[in-house]
Amino acid sequence: EMTTEERNEVVLRIEEASGLKGYTFFCFRSGEVPPLPYAVFYHPQTETESADNKTWARIQTTNIELYTEQKDFDIEQKLEGVLTAHEITWEKSESYLSSENMFEVLYEFQNTEE
């Protein structure tokens, strides 16, 4: 388990460690999209655990989307290293966005705060 503050710190360390040209919450403003590689992060879902009409835990999902021109093992390894160093269990999926001519690697993890 980690606090929201600890999770936010990990998310911000990814930018420092990976050498991305851009990293922001949810999306870049129109006309401000940096050159590849870049990443965005967001929290698409929060679930709660409750009993006796009281919420006792909050489970928040965090997504980090990495966009690259080519498959970039080095950046992926750095990003995964930050997550692993902070004992975050994560899932990874990949796709090629042909309409954008770029690769997307999605990292997804959850943290529980009681």
C-alpha atoms as a PDB file:
ATOM      1  CA  GLU A   1       0.000   0.000   0.000  1.00  0.00           C
ATOM      2  CA  MET A   2       1.096   3.548  -0.638  1.00  0.00           C
ATOM      3  CA  THR A   3      -0.395   6.924   0.047  1.00  0.00           C
ATOM      4  CA  THR A   4      -1.626   9.220  -2.683  1.00  0.00           C
ATOM      5  CA  GLU A   5       1.387  11.464  -2.058  1.00  0.00           C
ATOM      6  CA  GLU A   6       3.803   8.544  -2.472  1.00  0.00           C
ATOM      7  CA  ARG A   7       2.082   7.481  -5.698  1.00  0.00           C
ATOM      8  CA  ASN A   8       2.276  11.016  -7.061  1.00  0.00           C
ATOM      9  CA  GLU A   9       5.980  11.153  -6.226  1.00  0.00           C
ATOM     10  CA  VAL A  10       6.596   7.941  -8.164  1.00  0.00           C
ATOM     11  CA  VAL A  11       4.646   9.242 -11.158  1.00  0.00           C
ATOM     12  CA  LEU A  12       6.743  12.416 -11.184  1.00  0.00           C
ATOM     13  CA  ARG A  13      10.037  10.503 -10.855  1.00  0.00           C
ATOM     14  CA  ILE A  14       9.271   8.748 -14.116  1.00  0.00           C
ATOM     15  CA  GLU A  15       9.809  11.986 -16.016  1.00  0.00           C
ATOM     16  CA  GLU A  16      13.217  12.518 -14.387  1.00  0.00           C
ATOM     17  CA  ALA A  17      14.393   8.948 -14.948  1.00  0.00           C
ATOM     18  CA  SER A  18      13.165   8.302 -18.471  1.00  0.00           C
ATOM     19  CA  GLY A  19      14.433  11.283 -20.456  1.00  0.00           C
ATOM     20  CA  LEU A  20      11.067  12.007 -22.042  1.00  0.00           C
ATOM     21  CA  LYS A  21      10.601  15.163 -24.124  1.00  0.00           C
ATOM     22  CA  GLY A  22       7.222  15.721 -22.502  1.00  0.00           C
ATOM     23  CA  TYR A  23       5.195  14.350 -19.609  1.00  0.00           C
ATOM     24  CA  THR A  24       1.888  15.683 -18.375  1.00  0.00           C
ATOM     25  CA  PHE A  25      -1.385  14.869 -16.657  1.00  0.00           C
ATOM     26  CA  PHE A  26      -4.099  13.533 -18.996  1.00  0.00           C
ATOM     27  CA  CYS A  27      -3.259  15.368 -22.231  1.00  0.00           C
ATOM     28  CA  PHE A  28      -1.240  18.148 -23.787  1.00  0.00           C
ATOM     29  CA  ARG A  29      -3.007  21.306 -24.856  1.00  0.00           C
ATOM     30  CA  SER A  30      -3.749  21.720 -28.539  1.00  0.00           C
ATOM     31  CA  GLY A  31      -0.646  22.940 -30.321  1.00  0.00           C
ATOM     32  CA  GLU A  32       1.625  22.103 -27.350  1.00  0.00           C
ATOM     33  CA  VAL A  33       2.260  18.435 -28.034  1.00  0.00           C
ATOM     34  CA  PRO A  34       6.020  17.829 -27.764  1.00  0.00           C
ATOM     35  CA  PRO A  35       8.017  15.696 -30.166  1.00  0.00           C
ATOM     36  CA  LEU A  36       8.166  11.977 -29.438  1.00  0.00           C
ATOM     37  CA  PRO A  37       8.852  10.351 -27.042  1.00  0.00           C
ATOM     38  CA  TYR A  38       6.387  11.644 -24.486  1.00  0.00           C
ATOM     39  CA  ALA A  39       3.973  10.268 -21.928  1.00  0.00           C
ATOM     40  CA  VAL A  40       0.756  11.163 -20.179  1.00  0.00           C
ATOM     41  CA  PHE A  41      -0.604   9.893 -16.907  1.00  0.00           C
ATOM     42  CA  TYR A  42      -4.099   9.908 -15.456  1.00  0.00           C
ATOM     43  CA  HIS A  43      -6.351   8.155 -12.966  1.00  0.00           C
ATOM     44  CA  PRO A  44      -9.262   6.606 -14.878  1.00  0.00           C
ATOM     45  CA  GLN A  45     -10.951   4.888 -11.972  1.00  0.00           C
ATOM     46  CA  THR A  46     -11.322   4.942  -8.201  1.00  0.00           C
ATOM     47  CA  GLU A  47     -13.081   2.152  -6.356  1.00  0.00           C
ATOM     48  CA  THR A  48     -13.927   1.974  -2.685  1.00  0.00           C
ATOM     49  CA  GLU A  49     -14.205  -0.855  -0.184  1.00  0.00           C
ATOM     50  CA  SER A  50     -16.785  -0.357   2.502  1.00  0.00           C
ATOM     51  CA  ALA A  51     -18.641  -2.068   5.310  1.00  0.00           C
ATOM     52  CA  ASP A  52     -21.267  -0.914   7.800  1.00  0.00           C
ATOM     53  CA  ASN A  53     -21.933   2.223   5.738  1.00  0.00           C
ATOM     54  CA  LYS A  54     -18.305   3.342   6.039  1.00  0.00           C
ATOM     55  CA  THR A  55     -15.640   3.509   3.380  1.00  0.00           C
ATOM     56  CA  TRP A  56     -12.466   1.940   4.713  1.00  0.00           C
ATOM     57  CA  ALA A  57     -10.288   1.818   1.611  1.00  0.00           C
ATOM     58  CA  ARG A  58      -9.867   3.694  -1.644  1.00  0.00           C
ATOM     59  CA  ILE A  59      -8.361   1.883  -4.632  1.00  0.00           C
ATOM     60  CA  GLN A  60      -7.137   4.199  -7.359  1.00  0.00           C
ATOM     61  CA  THR A  61      -5.985   3.103 -10.791  1.00  0.00           C
ATOM     62  CA  THR A  62      -3.169   5.012 -12.475  1.00  0.00           C
ATOM     63  CA  ASN A  63      -2.407   4.775 -16.188  1.00  0.00           C
ATOM     64  CA  ILE A  64       0.820   5.917 -17.791  1.00  0.00           C
ATOM     65  CA  GLU A  65       0.760   6.013 -21.591  1.00  0.00           C
ATOM     66  CA  LEU A  66       4.162   6.136 -23.276  1.00  0.00           C
ATOM     67  CA  TYR A  67       4.262   7.245 -26.920  1.00  0.00           C
ATOM     68  CA  THR A  68       7.296   6.623 -29.133  1.00  0.00           C
ATOM     69  CA  GLU A  69       8.166   6.718 -32.811  1.00  0.00           C
ATOM     70  CA  GLN A  70       9.775   3.279 -32.604  1.00  0.00           C
ATOM     71  CA  LYS A  71       9.815   0.578 -29.991  1.00  0.00           C
ATOM     72  CA  ASP A  72      12.091   2.084 -27.315  1.00  0.00           C
ATOM     73  CA  PHE A  73      13.356  -0.587 -24.934  1.00  0.00           C
ATOM     74  CA  ASP A  74      15.608   1.886 -23.101  1.00  0.00           C
ATOM     75  CA  ILE A  75      12.814   4.252 -22.063  1.00  0.00           C
ATOM     76  CA  GLU A  76      10.552   1.339 -21.169  1.00  0.00           C
ATOM     77  CA  GLN A  77      13.274  -0.184 -19.002  1.00  0.00           C
ATOM     78  CA  LYS A  78      13.820   3.120 -17.184  1.00  0.00           C
ATOM     79  CA  LEU A  79      10.105   3.629 -16.596  1.00  0.00           C
ATOM     80  CA  GLU A  80       9.676   0.039 -15.405  1.00  0.00           C
ATOM     81  CA  GLY A  81      12.728   0.465 -13.165  1.00  0.00           C
ATOM     82  CA  VAL A  82      11.076   3.360 -11.323  1.00  0.00           C
ATOM     83  CA  LEU A  83       7.881   1.372 -10.800  1.00  0.00           C
ATOM     84  CA  THR A  84       9.753  -1.736  -9.680  1.00  0.00           C
ATOM     85  CA  ALA A  85      12.072   0.223  -7.353  1.00  0.00           C
ATOM     86  CA  HIS A  86       8.982   1.499  -5.541  1.00  0.00           C
ATOM     87  CA  GLU A  87       7.514  -2.017  -5.305  1.00  0.00           C
ATOM     88  CA  ILE A  88       4.629  -1.188  -7.610  1.00  0.00           C
ATOM     89  CA  THR A  89       2.996  -4.137  -9.310  1.00  0.00           C
ATOM     90  CA  TRP A  90       2.066  -3.070 -12.819  1.00  0.00           C
ATOM     91  CA  GLU A  91       0.563  -4.421 -16.014  1.00  0.00           C
ATOM     92  CA  LYS A  92       1.732  -3.483 -19.492  1.00  0.00           C
ATOM     93  CA  SER A  93       0.083  -3.563 -22.889  1.00  0.00           C
ATOM     94  CA  GLU A  94       1.280  -2.286 -26.265  1.00  0.00           C
ATOM     95  CA  SER A  95      -0.233  -1.179 -29.524  1.00  0.00           C
ATOM     96  CA  TYR A  96       0.690   0.600 -32.729  1.00  0.00           C
ATOM     97  CA  LEU A  97      -1.435   3.621 -33.586  1.00  0.00           C
ATOM     98  CA  SER A  98      -1.294   3.543 -37.371  1.00  0.00           C
ATOM     99  CA  SER A  99      -3.302   6.754 -37.754  1.00  0.00           C
ATOM    100  CA  GLU A 100      -0.674   8.560 -35.638  1.00  0.00           C
ATOM    101  CA  ASN A 101       2.383   6.577 -36.824  1.00  0.00           C
ATOM    102  CA  MET A 102       3.506   5.841 -33.273  1.00  0.00           C
ATOM    103  CA  PHE A 103       3.634   3.162 -30.642  1.00  0.00           C
ATOM    104  CA  GLU A 104       1.732   3.300 -27.368  1.00  0.00           C
ATOM    105  CA  VAL A 105       2.797   1.378 -24.285  1.00  0.00           C
ATOM    106  CA  LEU A 106       0.262   1.450 -21.454  1.00  0.00           C
ATOM    107  CA  TYR A 107       1.327   0.856 -17.854  1.00  0.00           C
ATOM    108  CA  GLU A 108      -1.463   0.355 -15.362  1.00  0.00           C
ATOM    109  CA  PHE A 109      -1.233  -0.015 -11.608  1.00  0.00           C
ATOM    110  CA  GLN A 110      -3.404   0.397  -8.545  1.00  0.00           C
ATOM    111  CA  ASN A 111      -2.750   1.665  -5.086  1.00  0.00           C
ATOM    112  CA  THR A 112      -4.892   1.183  -2.026  1.00  0.00           C
ATOM    113  CA  GLU A 113      -5.197   3.830   0.632  1.00  0.00           C
ATOM    114  CA  GLU A 114      -6.972   3.057   3.873  1.00  0.00           C
END
